[in-house]
Amino acid sequence: MILNSYVRNTFWFVVRFVVGGIFVYAGFAKLNEPIENLRAVLLAYPVIPDTFVPGTASVLPWIEFVFGMFLILGYAIRPSTLVLGALLAGFLTVLGISRFVYGFSPEDCGCFGQGGIHLTVSQVLILDSLCLLAAVNLALKRDHPWSLDHWLEHFGDKE
């Protein structure tokens, strides 16, 4: 029984770390490049209105980085997974509509910046779907024993 609990906790810790790590890497890669790179990528998608591009390009990398770090640390897990899940749902919608409605498939989605990892649209759809599934499960999970949330809840009140 203890081994099952340990394996389960290890599994969810790894899932949290991987999903958070993907977002930290994606945000950090975009933050280290000129903002014009991300603007150009966003402008290429026919489903994104041009008026949303400057604000999105300015805010998106920070949201990815900050909430990805929160997820890695296990801080505000439910809100973090909800924010990242909403981003993933948005990414899947933009990629899906662009590909299947407009027939547009970029060579590189721009997910990890211009100098980072380059994935095809099919690979990104699979990765984002798996991450969304993981984020939903993390948000529904009540206890995350190996997290800052758990530590603060169980040890933060002790004086």
Protein backbone atom coordinates (compact mmCIF):
# COMPACT_ATOMS: atom_id res chain seq x y z
CA MET A 1 0.00 0.00 0.00
CA ILE A 2 2.80 2.43 0.87
CA LEU A 3 4.62 1.52 -2.35
CA ASN A 4 1.47 2.25 -4.39
CA SER A 5 1.18 5.65 -2.70
CA TYR A 6 4.86 6.37 -3.37
CA VAL A 7 4.55 5.35 -7.04
CA ARG A 8 1.38 7.43 -7.46
CA ASN A 9 2.96 10.48 -5.81
CA THR A 10 6.08 10.07 -7.93
CA PHE A 11 4.00 9.81 -11.09
CA TRP A 12 2.03 13.01 -10.39
CA PHE A 13 5.19 14.85 -9.36
CA VAL A 14 6.83 13.90 -12.67
CA VAL A 15 3.71 14.87 -14.63
CA ARG A 16 3.58 18.24 -12.85
CA PHE A 17 7.30 18.78 -13.45
CA VAL A 18 7.14 17.85 -17.15
CA VAL A 19 4.10 20.01 -17.94
CA GLY A 20 5.52 22.91 -15.94
CA GLY A 21 8.92 22.42 -17.55
CA ILE A 22 7.46 22.58 -21.05
CA PHE A 23 5.84 25.92 -20.25
CA VAL A 24 8.91 27.31 -18.49
CA TYR A 25 11.05 26.40 -21.49
CA ALA A 26 8.52 27.81 -23.98
CA GLY A 27 8.14 31.09 -22.07
CA PHE A 28 11.87 31.47 -21.42
CA ALA A 29 12.74 30.81 -25.07
CA LYS A 30 10.30 33.50 -26.22
CA LEU A 31 11.46 35.98 -23.57
CA ASN A 32 15.05 35.65 -24.80
CA GLU A 33 14.14 36.63 -28.35
CA PRO A 34 12.95 39.90 -29.82
CA ILE A 35 9.20 40.32 -29.34
CA GLU A 36 8.90 40.84 -33.10
CA ASN A 37 9.60 37.12 -33.62
CA LEU A 38 6.52 36.11 -31.66
CA ARG A 39 4.44 38.87 -33.24
CA ALA A 40 5.36 37.55 -36.70
CA VAL A 41 4.41 34.00 -35.74
CA LEU A 42 1.06 35.13 -34.29
CA LEU A 43 0.29 37.29 -37.34
CA ALA A 44 0.76 34.23 -39.56
CA TYR A 45 -2.26 32.51 -37.99
CA PRO A 46 -5.41 33.59 -39.87
CA VAL A 47 -7.67 32.97 -36.88
CA ILE A 48 -5.93 35.49 -34.57
CA PRO A 49 -7.16 39.08 -35.07
CA ASP A 50 -4.28 41.47 -35.74
CA THR A 51 -5.40 43.76 -32.91
CA PHE A 52 -4.74 41.00 -30.33
CA VAL A 53 -1.21 40.24 -31.51
CA PRO A 54 0.82 42.99 -29.73
CA GLY A 55 -0.76 42.34 -26.32
CA THR A 56 -0.63 38.58 -26.70
CA ALA A 57 3.03 38.67 -27.75
CA SER A 58 3.87 40.81 -24.72
CA VAL A 59 1.99 38.78 -22.11
CA LEU A 60 2.01 35.16 -23.32
CA PRO A 61 5.67 34.33 -22.60
CA TRP A 62 5.37 35.69 -19.05
CA ILE A 63 2.21 33.69 -18.36
CA GLU A 64 3.86 30.52 -19.66
CA PHE A 65 7.02 31.09 -17.63
CA VAL A 66 5.42 32.15 -14.33
CA PHE A 67 2.65 29.55 -14.20
CA GLY A 68 5.04 26.86 -15.45
CA MET A 69 7.35 27.69 -12.52
CA PHE A 70 4.39 27.60 -10.14
CA LEU A 71 3.53 24.14 -11.41
CA ILE A 72 7.10 22.87 -11.02
CA LEU A 73 7.25 24.20 -7.46
CA GLY A 74 3.79 22.93 -6.67
CA TYR A 75 2.55 26.39 -5.74
CA ALA A 76 -1.09 27.29 -6.52
CA ILE A 77 -1.42 24.05 -8.46
CA ARG A 78 -5.12 24.25 -9.24
CA PRO A 79 -5.07 27.90 -10.46
CA SER A 80 -1.86 27.23 -12.37
CA THR A 81 -3.26 24.19 -14.13
CA LEU A 82 -6.45 26.09 -14.94
CA VAL A 83 -4.48 28.95 -16.51
CA LEU A 84 -2.16 26.61 -18.41
CA GLY A 85 -5.12 24.42 -19.39
CA ALA A 86 -6.90 27.49 -20.80
CA LEU A 87 -3.75 28.36 -22.76
CA LEU A 88 -3.54 24.80 -24.09
CA ALA A 89 -7.20 24.85 -25.10
CA GLY A 90 -6.55 28.16 -26.88
CA PHE A 91 -3.45 26.80 -28.62
CA LEU A 92 -5.35 23.70 -29.75
CA THR A 93 -8.21 25.85 -31.03
CA VAL A 94 -5.94 28.20 -32.97
CA LEU A 95 -3.90 25.35 -34.45
CA GLY A 96 -6.96 23.23 -35.21
CA ILE A 97 -8.96 26.01 -36.86
CA SER A 98 -5.94 27.25 -38.79
CA ARG A 99 -5.16 23.76 -40.05
CA PHE A 100 -8.56 22.21 -40.59
CA VAL A 101 -10.70 25.25 -41.49
CA TYR A 102 -8.23 27.58 -43.21
CA GLY A 103 -5.91 24.85 -44.49
CA PHE A 104 -2.94 26.71 -42.99
CA SER A 105 -0.16 24.70 -41.39
CA PRO A 106 2.95 26.65 -40.45
CA GLU A 107 6.28 24.88 -40.75
CA ASP A 108 6.96 25.87 -37.16
CA CYS A 109 4.25 26.77 -34.66
CA GLY A 110 6.54 29.17 -32.77
CA CYS A 111 5.76 27.41 -29.50
CA PHE A 112 9.35 27.37 -28.34
CA GLY A 113 10.63 30.51 -30.06
CA GLN A 114 12.65 30.74 -33.24
CA GLY A 115 15.82 29.22 -31.84
CA GLY A 116 14.25 26.55 -29.69
CA ILE A 117 12.71 23.19 -30.37
CA HIS A 118 10.93 22.95 -33.71
CA LEU A 119 7.84 20.74 -33.89
CA THR A 120 5.39 20.07 -36.68
CA VAL A 121 1.76 21.07 -36.23
CA SER A 122 0.80 17.40 -35.79
CA GLN A 123 3.43 16.98 -33.06
CA VAL A 124 2.21 20.13 -31.30
CA LEU A 125 -1.42 19.00 -31.47
CA ILE A 126 -0.44 15.71 -29.81
CA LEU A 127 1.82 17.37 -27.20
CA ASP A 128 -0.76 20.03 -26.33
CA SER A 129 -3.55 17.42 -26.10
CA LEU A 130 -1.48 15.29 -23.70
CA CYS A 131 -0.54 18.35 -21.63
CA LEU A 132 -4.19 19.44 -21.49
CA LEU A 133 -5.20 15.98 -20.31
CA ALA A 134 -2.46 16.11 -17.66
CA ALA A 135 -3.46 19.65 -16.58
CA VAL A 136 -7.10 18.64 -16.16
CA ASN A 137 -6.10 15.64 -14.06
CA LEU A 138 -3.72 17.73 -11.96
CA ALA A 139 -6.48 20.30 -11.35
CA LEU A 140 -8.91 17.59 -10.28
CA LYS A 141 -6.42 15.90 -7.95
CA ARG A 142 -7.07 17.02 -4.38
CA ASP A 143 -3.70 16.41 -2.78
CA HIS A 144 -0.20 16.91 -4.13
CA PRO A 145 2.06 15.62 -1.34
CA TRP A 146 5.31 16.64 -3.01
CA SER A 147 4.46 20.30 -3.48
CA LEU A 148 4.86 23.69 -1.93
CA ASP A 149 1.08 23.82 -1.53
CA HIS A 150 1.18 20.66 0.61
CA TRP A 151 4.07 21.95 2.69
CA LEU A 152 2.39 25.32 3.29
CA GLU A 153 -0.90 23.66 4.18
CA HIS A 154 0.58 21.14 6.62
CA PHE A 155 3.61 22.93 8.02
CA GLY A 156 3.05 26.64 7.41
CA ASP A 157 0.73 27.12 10.39
CA LYS A 158 3.10 25.55 12.92
CA GLU A 159 4.95 28.02 15.08
